[in-house]
Protein backbone atom coordinates (compact mmCIF):
# COMPACT_ATOMS: atom_id res chain seq x y z
CA MET A 1 -8.52 106.96 41.70
CA CYS A 2 -10.21 110.39 44.02
CA GLU A 3 -7.64 109.66 46.10
CA ALA A 4 -4.76 109.39 44.24
CA LEU A 5 -5.78 112.93 42.67
CA ALA A 6 -6.71 114.69 46.07
CA PRO A 7 -5.08 112.82 48.88
CA ALA A 8 -5.92 115.70 51.42
CA LEU A 9 -9.32 115.71 50.37
CA PHE A 10 -10.57 112.33 50.33
CA ARG A 11 -9.55 109.29 52.15
CA VAL A 12 -10.06 105.01 51.22
CA GLY A 13 -11.42 103.50 53.97
CA ALA A 14 -10.62 99.56 55.60
CA ASP A 15 -14.11 98.91 54.12
CA GLY A 16 -13.10 100.11 49.70
CA VAL A 17 -15.44 102.75 50.75
CA VAL A 18 -14.32 106.85 50.27
CA GLU A 19 -14.97 108.91 53.00
CA PRO A 20 -14.74 112.84 52.03
CA PRO A 21 -12.91 114.56 55.28
CA ALA A 22 -15.13 117.10 55.03
CA GLU A 23 -19.17 118.49 54.02
CA SER A 24 -17.83 121.38 52.18
CA VAL A 25 -14.81 121.95 49.30
CA SER A 26 -13.14 125.34 49.73
CA PRO A 27 -13.24 127.71 46.68
CA ALA A 28 -9.22 126.70 46.10
CA ASP A 29 -10.39 122.68 46.08
CA ALA A 30 -13.00 122.87 43.91
CA GLU A 31 -11.49 122.18 40.65
CA VAL A 32 -9.12 119.61 41.87
CA VAL A 33 -12.36 117.76 43.25
CA ALA A 34 -14.51 118.55 40.19
CA LEU A 35 -11.70 116.64 38.13
CA ALA A 36 -11.55 113.34 40.91
CA VAL A 37 -15.44 113.31 40.67
CA ASP A 38 -15.35 112.97 36.82
CA SER A 39 -12.41 110.48 36.92
CA CYS A 40 -14.26 108.20 39.29
CA PRO A 41 -14.28 104.91 37.14
CA VAL A 42 -17.35 103.63 39.04
CA GLN A 43 -19.26 107.21 39.07
CA ALA A 44 -19.52 106.75 42.87
CA LEU A 45 -18.94 110.51 43.52
CA ARG A 46 -21.23 113.38 42.89
CA TRP A 47 -20.82 117.39 42.48
CA ILE A 48 -23.57 119.01 44.63
CA ASP A 49 -23.24 123.09 44.21
CA ASP A 50 -25.53 125.09 46.94
């Protein structure tokens, strides 16, 4: 689901595990990342705001 919402920000590896391409998120991408986190059907993602 996260890859479908934000394909430039998330990739699902061959093992089925989501791999974020970066450790930080730009302010411009924050809204779509928050949507992806909230939409994760298995709650595998967390948003940690520094």
